[in-house]
Protein backbone atom coordinates (compact mmCIF):
# COMPACT_ATOMS: atom_id res chain seq x y z
CA MET A 1 73.52 118.68 27.63
CA LYS A 2 71.86 116.39 30.20
CA ILE A 3 72.11 112.63 29.66
CA LEU A 4 70.34 109.67 31.26
CA VAL A 5 71.95 106.23 30.76
CA ILE A 6 69.88 103.10 31.48
CA GLY A 7 71.57 99.91 32.68
CA SER A 8 73.98 98.57 35.28
CA GLY A 9 76.64 96.45 33.55
CA GLY A 10 80.10 96.77 32.03
CA ARG A 11 78.67 98.02 28.74
CA GLU A 12 76.84 100.83 30.59
CA HIS A 13 79.95 101.76 32.57
CA ALA A 14 81.93 102.02 29.33
CA LEU A 15 79.16 104.19 27.80
CA VAL A 16 79.02 106.47 30.88
CA TRP A 17 82.84 106.74 30.93
CA LYS A 18 82.96 107.77 27.22
CA LEU A 19 79.92 110.05 27.37
CA ALA A 20 81.41 111.80 30.45
CA GLN A 21 84.47 112.82 28.39
CA SER A 22 82.40 115.05 26.12
CA SER A 23 82.55 118.81 26.64
CA HIS A 24 78.85 118.92 25.70
CA VAL A 25 77.73 117.04 28.84
CA SER A 26 76.87 119.08 31.95
CA THR A 27 74.87 116.51 33.95
CA MET A 28 74.58 112.72 33.79
CA TRP A 29 72.43 110.12 35.56
CA CYS A 30 72.54 106.35 35.34
CA ALA A 31 69.65 104.12 36.36
CA PRO A 32 70.41 102.00 38.26
CA GLY A 33 74.19 102.21 37.64
CA ASN A 34 76.83 100.24 39.63
CA GLY A 35 79.78 100.73 41.99
CA GLY A 36 82.16 101.90 39.22
CA ILE A 37 79.68 104.19 37.45
CA ALA A 38 79.09 105.99 40.76
CA LEU A 39 82.80 106.93 40.80
CA GLU A 40 82.88 108.59 37.31
CA LYS A 41 83.07 112.37 36.95
CA LEU A 42 82.24 114.62 34.01
CA SER A 43 85.20 116.15 32.15
CA SER A 44 83.34 119.43 31.56
CA ASN A 45 82.83 120.39 35.24
CA GLY A 46 84.04 117.59 37.56
CA GLU A 47 80.49 116.76 38.64
CA PRO A 48 79.90 113.12 39.63
CA VAL A 49 77.66 110.84 37.59
CA GLN A 50 74.49 110.29 39.71
CA CYS A 51 73.29 106.73 40.12
CA VAL A 52 69.51 106.55 40.61
CA GLY A 53 67.95 103.46 42.15
CA VAL A 54 65.48 102.67 39.34
CA GLY A 55 65.75 99.30 37.58
CA ALA A 56 66.37 99.14 33.85
CA GLU A 57 63.12 97.26 33.23
CA ASP A 58 60.91 99.51 35.41
CA LEU A 59 59.59 101.54 32.45
CA GLU A 60 56.99 103.43 34.54
CA LYS A 61 59.52 104.68 37.05
CA LEU A 62 62.05 105.44 34.31
CA LEU A 63 59.49 107.60 32.57
CA GLU A 64 58.68 109.35 35.84
CA LEU A 65 62.44 109.94 36.36
CA ALA A 66 62.79 111.39 32.87
CA SER A 67 59.77 113.65 33.41
CA ARG A 68 61.46 114.96 36.55
CA ILE A 69 65.03 115.46 35.30
CA LYS A 70 64.22 116.22 31.61
CA PRO A 71 67.33 114.68 29.90
CA ASP A 72 68.29 115.95 26.42
CA LEU A 73 69.29 112.38 25.49
CA THR A 74 68.54 108.99 27.01
CA VAL A 75 70.88 106.12 26.15
CA VAL A 76 69.64 102.54 26.58
CA GLY A 77 72.24 99.87 27.22
CA PRO A 78 70.56 96.48 27.76
CA ASP A 79 68.27 94.47 25.46
CA ASN A 80 65.29 93.81 27.79
CA PRO A 81 64.02 97.43 28.10
CA LEU A 82 64.38 97.81 24.32
CA SER A 83 62.20 94.77 23.65
CA MET A 84 59.73 96.00 26.25
CA GLY A 85 59.25 99.23 24.24
CA ILE A 86 61.10 101.82 26.31
CA VAL A 87 62.02 103.76 23.14
CA ASP A 88 58.37 103.94 22.02
CA ARG A 89 57.26 105.08 25.48
CA PHE A 90 59.90 107.76 25.77
CA GLU A 91 59.30 109.08 22.28
CA GLN A 92 55.55 109.24 22.88
CA ALA A 93 56.37 111.39 25.94
CA GLY A 94 58.51 113.72 23.78
CA PHE A 95 62.01 112.57 24.87
CA THR A 96 64.95 111.94 22.55
CA ILE A 97 66.16 108.40 23.24
CA TRP A 98 68.89 106.28 21.61
CA GLY A 99 68.13 102.64 20.80
CA PRO A 100 65.74 100.69 18.49
CA ASN A 101 62.00 100.77 19.08
CA ALA A 102 60.11 97.58 20.02
CA GLN A 103 59.48 96.58 16.40
CA ALA A 104 63.19 96.95 15.52
CA ALA A 105 64.35 95.31 18.77
CA GLN A 106 62.72 92.08 17.59
CA PHE A 107 65.94 91.28 15.71
CA GLU A 108 67.30 90.33 19.10
CA ALA A 109 64.15 89.69 21.15
CA SER A 110 62.99 86.91 18.76
CA LYS A 111 65.48 84.63 17.08
CA ALA A 112 62.60 83.26 15.05
CA PHE A 113 61.70 86.71 13.70
CA SER A 114 65.39 87.31 12.86
CA GLN A 115 65.81 83.96 11.10
CA GLU A 116 62.68 84.41 9.00
CA PHE A 117 63.78 87.98 8.07
CA MET A 118 67.16 86.66 6.88
CA GLN A 119 65.46 84.03 4.78
CA ARG A 120 63.12 86.61 3.21
CA HIS A 121 66.02 88.89 2.30
CA ASP A 122 68.57 86.29 1.23
CA ILE A 123 71.02 87.10 4.03
CA PRO A 124 73.55 84.24 4.41
CA THR A 125 72.90 82.20 7.57
CA ALA A 126 72.81 78.65 8.85
CA ARG A 127 70.25 76.09 7.75
CA SER A 128 67.60 76.25 10.45
CA GLY A 129 64.09 75.38 11.68
CA ILE A 130 61.74 77.05 14.16
CA PHE A 131 59.82 74.77 16.57
CA SER A 132 57.25 74.90 19.39
CA ASN A 133 57.06 71.09 19.61
CA PRO A 134 60.00 69.23 21.23
CA SER A 135 59.61 66.07 19.13
CA GLU A 136 59.61 68.04 15.86
CA ALA A 137 62.64 69.95 17.10
CA LEU A 138 64.43 66.67 17.81
CA ALA A 139 63.54 65.29 14.34
CA PHE A 140 65.21 68.31 12.74
CA ALA A 141 68.25 68.05 15.06
CA LYS A 142 68.56 64.37 13.98
CA SER A 143 68.59 65.51 10.32
CA LEU A 144 71.65 67.53 11.25
CA GLN A 145 73.24 64.49 12.98
CA GLY A 146 72.95 66.41 16.23
CA LYS A 147 75.53 69.00 15.17
CA CYS A 148 73.50 72.10 15.94
CA ALA A 149 72.89 75.23 17.94
CA VAL A 150 69.71 75.02 20.04
CA LYS A 151 68.59 78.59 20.67
CA ALA A 152 65.81 79.83 22.96
CA ASP A 153 63.71 82.15 20.82
CA GLY A 154 63.47 84.93 23.44
CA LEU A 155 66.01 86.91 25.49
CA ALA A 156 68.18 84.93 27.95
CA LEU A 157 71.01 87.34 28.95
CA GLY A 158 73.25 86.10 26.13
CA LYS A 159 73.17 82.54 27.52
CA GLY A 160 70.21 80.97 25.69
CA VAL A 161 72.27 79.01 23.15
CA LEU A 162 73.36 75.38 23.60
CA ILE A 163 75.88 73.95 21.10
CA THR A 164 75.63 70.19 20.53
CA ASP A 165 77.71 67.61 18.59
CA THR A 166 75.66 64.45 19.00
CA ILE A 167 72.00 63.48 18.74
CA GLN A 168 72.01 62.62 22.45
CA ASP A 169 73.41 66.08 23.33
CA ALA A 170 70.82 67.72 21.09
CA GLU A 171 68.02 65.71 22.79
CA THR A 172 69.31 66.86 26.20
CA ALA A 173 69.50 70.51 25.08
CA ILE A 174 65.97 70.48 23.61
CA GLN A 175 64.69 68.90 26.86
CA GLN A 176 66.51 71.53 28.93
CA VAL A 177 65.24 74.54 26.93
CA MET A 178 61.71 73.46 25.89
CA VAL A 179 60.58 71.11 28.59
CA ASP A 180 62.59 71.97 31.77
CA LYS A 181 62.38 75.69 30.79
CA SER A 182 65.99 76.41 31.96
CA PHE A 183 65.67 79.85 30.20
CA GLY A 184 62.04 80.40 31.29
CA THR A 185 59.48 81.44 28.73
CA ALA A 186 62.28 82.40 26.32
CA GLY A 187 62.38 78.64 25.48
CA ASN A 188 58.66 78.22 24.59
CA GLN A 189 59.86 78.27 20.98
CA VAL A 190 63.33 77.33 19.74
CA VAL A 191 65.39 77.99 16.65
CA ILE A 192 67.66 75.05 15.74
CA GLN A 193 70.52 75.89 13.39
CA GLU A 194 73.11 73.67 11.82
CA LYS A 195 76.41 74.11 13.70
CA LEU A 196 78.60 76.36 11.57
CA GLU A 197 82.36 75.77 11.53
CA GLY A 198 84.86 78.65 11.32
CA LEU A 199 85.98 81.74 13.14
CA GLU A 200 83.36 83.78 14.97
CA ILE A 201 83.61 87.59 14.93
CA SER A 202 81.49 90.50 16.13
CA LEU A 203 80.56 93.46 13.93
CA HIS A 204 78.73 96.61 15.03
CA ALA A 205 76.88 99.00 12.78
CA LEU A 206 75.51 102.28 14.09
CA CYS A 207 72.17 102.89 12.30
CA ASP A 208 69.86 105.85 11.86
CA GLY A 209 66.90 104.35 9.98
CA GLN A 210 68.35 105.19 6.57
CA GLY A 211 71.96 104.07 6.62
CA TYR A 212 74.71 102.78 8.92
CA LEU A 213 78.31 103.41 9.99
CA LEU A 214 80.36 100.18 10.32
CA PHE A 215 82.52 99.92 13.44
CA GLU A 216 85.96 98.31 13.43
CA THR A 217 86.13 94.53 13.98
CA SER A 218 86.29 92.74 17.30
CA GLN A 219 86.14 89.14 18.59
CA ASP A 220 84.19 88.04 21.67
CA HIS A 221 84.94 84.92 23.76
CA LYS A 222 81.56 83.43 24.75
CA ARG A 223 82.60 80.18 26.45
CA ALA A 224 83.47 80.22 30.15
CA LEU A 225 86.74 78.31 29.97
CA ASP A 226 90.08 78.47 28.12
CA GLY A 227 90.13 76.90 24.68
CA ASP A 228 86.43 77.72 24.21
CA GLY A 229 85.39 75.10 26.78
CA GLY A 230 82.53 75.20 29.26
CA LEU A 231 79.15 76.86 29.04
CA ASN A 232 78.13 79.91 27.02
CA THR A 233 78.35 83.18 28.94
CA GLY A 234 77.51 86.80 28.24
CA GLY A 235 81.18 87.16 27.14
CA MET A 236 84.49 86.47 28.95
CA GLY A 237 86.64 88.96 27.07
CA THR A 238 87.22 90.56 23.71
CA TYR A 239 89.69 92.48 21.61
CA SER A 240 89.76 94.89 18.69
CA PRO A 241 90.72 94.95 15.87
CA ALA A 242 90.33 91.31 14.81
CA PRO A 243 92.90 90.43 12.11
CA PHE A 244 90.79 87.80 10.33
CA LEU A 245 88.87 90.06 7.95
CA ASN A 246 90.54 91.63 4.91
CA ALA A 247 89.02 94.50 2.91
CA ASP A 248 87.42 92.11 0.40
CA GLN A 249 85.68 90.10 3.11
CA LEU A 250 84.43 93.28 4.80
CA ASN A 251 83.00 94.45 1.52
CA GLU A 252 81.33 91.07 1.05
CA ILE A 253 79.75 91.38 4.51
CA ARG A 254 78.57 94.88 3.72
CA SER A 255 76.90 93.81 0.46
CA THR A 256 75.48 90.37 1.50
CA VAL A 257 74.58 91.09 5.12
CA LEU A 258 74.34 94.76 6.08
CA ASP A 259 73.05 96.22 2.79
CA ARG A 260 70.45 93.43 2.41
CA TRP A 261 69.45 93.85 6.07
CA LEU A 262 69.05 97.63 5.62
CA ASN A 263 67.12 97.16 2.39
CA GLY A 264 64.86 94.58 4.13
CA CYS A 265 64.18 97.09 6.95
CA LEU A 266 63.28 99.81 4.45
CA VAL A 267 61.00 97.44 2.45
CA GLU A 268 59.24 96.20 5.62
CA GLY A 269 58.97 99.63 7.25
CA ILE A 270 61.27 98.81 10.19
CA ASP A 271 62.83 102.08 11.46
CA PHE A 272 66.03 100.81 13.13
CA ARG A 273 67.86 103.56 14.97
CA GLY A 274 70.55 102.29 17.34
CA MET A 275 73.25 99.61 17.23
CA LEU A 276 72.96 96.48 15.09
CA TYR A 277 75.39 93.85 16.26
CA PRO A 278 75.54 90.79 14.05
CA GLY A 279 77.50 87.78 15.26
CA LEU A 280 79.14 86.25 12.19
CA MET A 281 80.91 82.96 11.45
CA LEU A 282 83.59 83.05 8.77
CA THR A 283 82.88 79.70 7.09
CA LYS A 284 84.46 78.05 4.01
CA GLU A 285 81.41 79.19 2.05
CA GLY A 286 81.84 82.80 3.22
CA PRO A 287 80.54 84.90 6.13
CA LYS A 288 77.24 83.72 7.64
CA VAL A 289 75.10 85.39 10.31
CA LEU A 290 74.71 83.45 13.59
CA GLU A 291 72.31 85.99 15.08
CA PHE A 292 71.52 89.68 15.27
CA ASN A 293 71.64 91.77 18.47
CA ALA A 294 70.00 95.16 18.77
CA ARG A 295 72.42 96.94 21.09
CA PHE A 296 76.12 97.31 21.86
CA GLY A 297 77.85 94.04 22.72
CA ASP A 298 79.26 93.49 26.17
CA PRO A 299 82.29 93.33 26.49
CA GLU A 300 82.81 94.62 22.91
CA THR A 301 81.69 98.13 24.03
CA GLN A 302 84.65 98.31 26.39
CA VAL A 303 87.30 97.79 23.66
CA TYR A 304 85.47 99.93 21.08
CA LEU A 305 85.05 102.94 23.34
CA MET A 306 88.74 102.79 24.44
CA ARG A 307 89.62 103.16 20.71
CA LEU A 308 86.84 105.47 19.42
CA LYS A 309 87.96 109.09 18.94
CA ASN A 310 84.58 110.62 18.01
CA ASP A 311 82.48 112.56 20.55
CA LEU A 312 79.98 109.85 21.64
CA PRO A 313 76.97 112.10 22.56
CA GLU A 314 77.21 113.66 19.06
CA LEU A 315 77.22 110.19 17.41
CA LEU A 316 74.35 108.76 19.40
CA LEU A 317 72.25 111.91 18.96
CA ALA A 318 72.86 111.78 15.18
CA SER A 319 71.81 108.10 15.14
CA ALA A 320 68.61 108.82 17.14
CA GLU A 321 67.73 111.82 14.93
CA GLY A 322 68.36 110.05 11.59
CA ARG A 323 71.35 112.15 10.46
CA LEU A 324 74.46 109.99 10.35
CA GLN A 325 75.07 110.76 6.69
CA GLY A 326 78.36 112.59 6.25
CA ILE A 327 79.75 111.59 9.66
CA GLN A 328 83.03 109.63 9.67
CA LEU A 329 84.10 107.31 12.47
CA GLU A 330 87.61 107.95 13.79
CA TRP A 331 89.65 105.27 15.53
CA SER A 332 92.87 105.14 17.49
CA GLU A 333 95.61 103.16 15.75
CA GLN A 334 96.06 101.31 19.04
CA ALA A 335 94.60 97.88 19.78
CA SER A 336 92.50 97.11 22.86
CA THR A 337 91.89 93.96 24.88
CA CYS A 338 89.29 93.35 27.62
CA VAL A 339 89.57 90.45 30.12
CA VAL A 340 86.46 89.69 32.16
CA MET A 341 86.95 88.77 35.79
CA ALA A 342 83.95 86.65 36.87
CA SER A 343 82.59 85.22 40.10
CA GLY A 344 83.42 81.56 40.84
CA GLY A 345 80.67 79.35 39.38
CA TYR A 346 79.53 81.80 36.70
CA PRO A 347 77.56 81.29 34.39
CA GLU A 348 75.85 78.93 36.84
CA SER A 349 75.23 79.77 40.47
CA TYR A 350 77.73 82.03 42.25
CA ALA A 351 78.11 83.94 45.54
CA LYS A 352 77.87 87.75 45.78
CA GLY A 353 79.22 90.21 48.32
CA LYS A 354 82.95 89.38 48.00
CA VAL A 355 85.35 92.28 48.70
CA ILE A 356 87.21 93.56 45.62
CA GLU A 357 90.74 94.93 46.04
CA GLY A 358 93.46 96.23 43.73
CA ILE A 359 91.54 98.26 41.15
CA ALA A 360 93.30 101.53 42.00
CA GLU A 361 96.68 99.82 41.65
CA ALA A 362 95.68 98.29 38.30
CA GLU A 363 94.56 101.74 37.00
CA THR A 364 97.92 103.41 37.85
CA ASP A 365 98.74 102.52 34.23
CA PRO A 366 97.06 105.33 32.20
CA LEU A 367 96.36 102.90 29.34
CA VAL A 368 94.26 100.59 31.60
CA LYS A 369 90.60 101.11 32.51
CA VAL A 370 88.67 98.75 34.76
CA PHE A 371 85.01 98.74 33.80
CA HIS A 372 82.59 97.51 36.50
CA ALA A 373 79.98 94.92 35.36
CA GLY A 374 78.64 93.49 38.62
CA THR A 375 79.76 95.58 41.57
CA LYS A 376 78.21 97.66 44.34
CA LEU A 377 79.44 99.95 47.09
CA ASP A 378 78.36 99.01 50.62
CA ASP A 379 77.39 101.57 53.28
CA ALA A 380 81.04 101.89 54.31
CA GLY A 381 82.09 102.65 50.67
CA GLN A 382 83.74 99.26 50.22
CA LEU A 383 83.47 97.69 46.77
CA LEU A 384 81.77 94.29 46.62
CA THR A 385 80.89 91.74 43.87
CA ALA A 386 77.23 91.91 42.84
CA GLY A 387 77.02 89.83 39.68
CA GLY A 388 78.42 86.93 37.61
CA ARG A 389 80.67 89.04 35.42
CA VAL A 390 82.29 91.44 37.88
CA LEU A 391 84.95 93.50 36.06
CA GLY A 392 86.13 94.13 32.47
CA VAL A 393 89.83 94.91 32.73
CA THR A 394 90.58 96.79 29.51
CA ALA A 395 93.89 98.03 28.10
CA LEU A 396 95.33 99.79 25.05
CA GLY A 397 98.59 98.92 23.34
CA ASP A 398 100.54 99.75 20.20
CA ASP A 399 99.60 96.31 18.95
CA LEU A 400 97.38 93.48 20.09
CA GLY A 401 100.14 91.62 21.90
CA GLN A 402 101.02 94.68 23.97
CA ALA A 403 97.34 95.48 24.79
CA THR A 404 96.73 91.89 25.89
CA GLN A 405 99.88 91.72 27.99
CA ARG A 406 98.94 95.02 29.67
CA ALA A 407 95.40 93.86 30.39
CA TYR A 408 96.61 90.61 32.06
CA LYS A 409 99.21 92.50 34.06
CA ALA A 410 96.39 94.66 35.43
CA VAL A 411 94.23 91.58 36.11
CA GLU A 412 96.98 90.10 38.33
CA LYS A 413 96.72 93.17 40.61
CA ILE A 414 92.98 92.70 41.29
CA HIS A 415 91.64 90.23 43.84
CA PHE A 416 88.32 88.89 45.08
CA GLU A 417 87.45 85.49 46.52
CA ALA A 418 86.84 82.65 43.95
CA CYS A 419 87.50 84.97 40.99
CA HIS A 420 87.97 83.27 37.62
CA PHE A 421 88.95 84.55 34.16
CA ARG A 422 90.10 83.13 30.85
CA ARG A 423 93.84 83.24 30.21
CA ASP A 424 93.57 82.96 26.44
CA ILE A 425 91.76 86.19 25.39
CA ALA A 426 93.10 87.24 21.94
CA ALA A 427 95.11 84.01 21.62
CA LYS A 428 93.47 83.20 18.27
CA ALA A 429 94.72 86.46 16.83
CA LEU A 430 98.15 86.20 18.42
């Protein structure tokens, strides 16, 4: 089986690493890949994964690449190519590709679409309004006493959400998103939600257009600094399982969120094949959806794929071909924790090209895997930083405490200039 993976981050490295373990896979490419992906080898024959210098959003060149290499399965990691219609393009050309089509990808690509869908299908979510006019947006924020989430409608690399606690903060956030265009055209329209209080958790459901398989629980850490301080990021670390949901709560989420969402898709003719990733807040009134994503979370993928026992190509192919019924997900009893090591200054401006050392030493522990998010190899084969989130240091343990301790022990062995990371990943659970 020949597989093409699209993307260059930590999520894609985790996908490549897990796909490469399958005995079904004989050849794998990743476009464009990164410094860590280029070092992976296939379990079946020892062949290296081939990184191809085609950007994840260059749909024309990706289609040309697929026409040349003829993959049996293409796996799309990031959200942008999905919203741009890569799945539709590949399917029209006769290729099997995993991920939602452009219509289904709207759940992430447009927060307004997602919010209106939830209202139509009685899915529990925050009180909200959708605005193209800054003064109308501010009037609504004032009705919430400024306690709100100001969300750019379009895609903004997981950073297009500003949480406010006062009317003045809300006014500043609306100015930043709608007038100053700090997230570009993604902020032409905003969704303003009441700020929900509670514990935030990530769920993932693998879908095939007719049904879904619910993944185990995890919790992401979005804020840049310890104690959930600082700006929103794409995710500074995560762990699985999260201990906050009991069986009754999971059943409630199935019936009030996932089943209603699936039924809404069937009613509206939305053929969602891929990963649905709802961010949920466990409030006093019960679980409420903060937002939907239409792909694997990053860094949730890293902890999930360390624990998943199923053959990943088989799962993704079944999802793409609409035949998940009868498949059971199998999980390791072990817990997993991922700590993200980021460039100094992230999520704002940061320097690139810093030398990274110590990964080989960190990975001498067989229960540690360092996933590369923003790295590249220079001409001399030296590993350099090439992004805001640089590495996802991920470990297994018999329990969450052990997994977390092991991950941090590995982090201490890795060095690059101005590196920063949170020291409280999984603290809420521990």
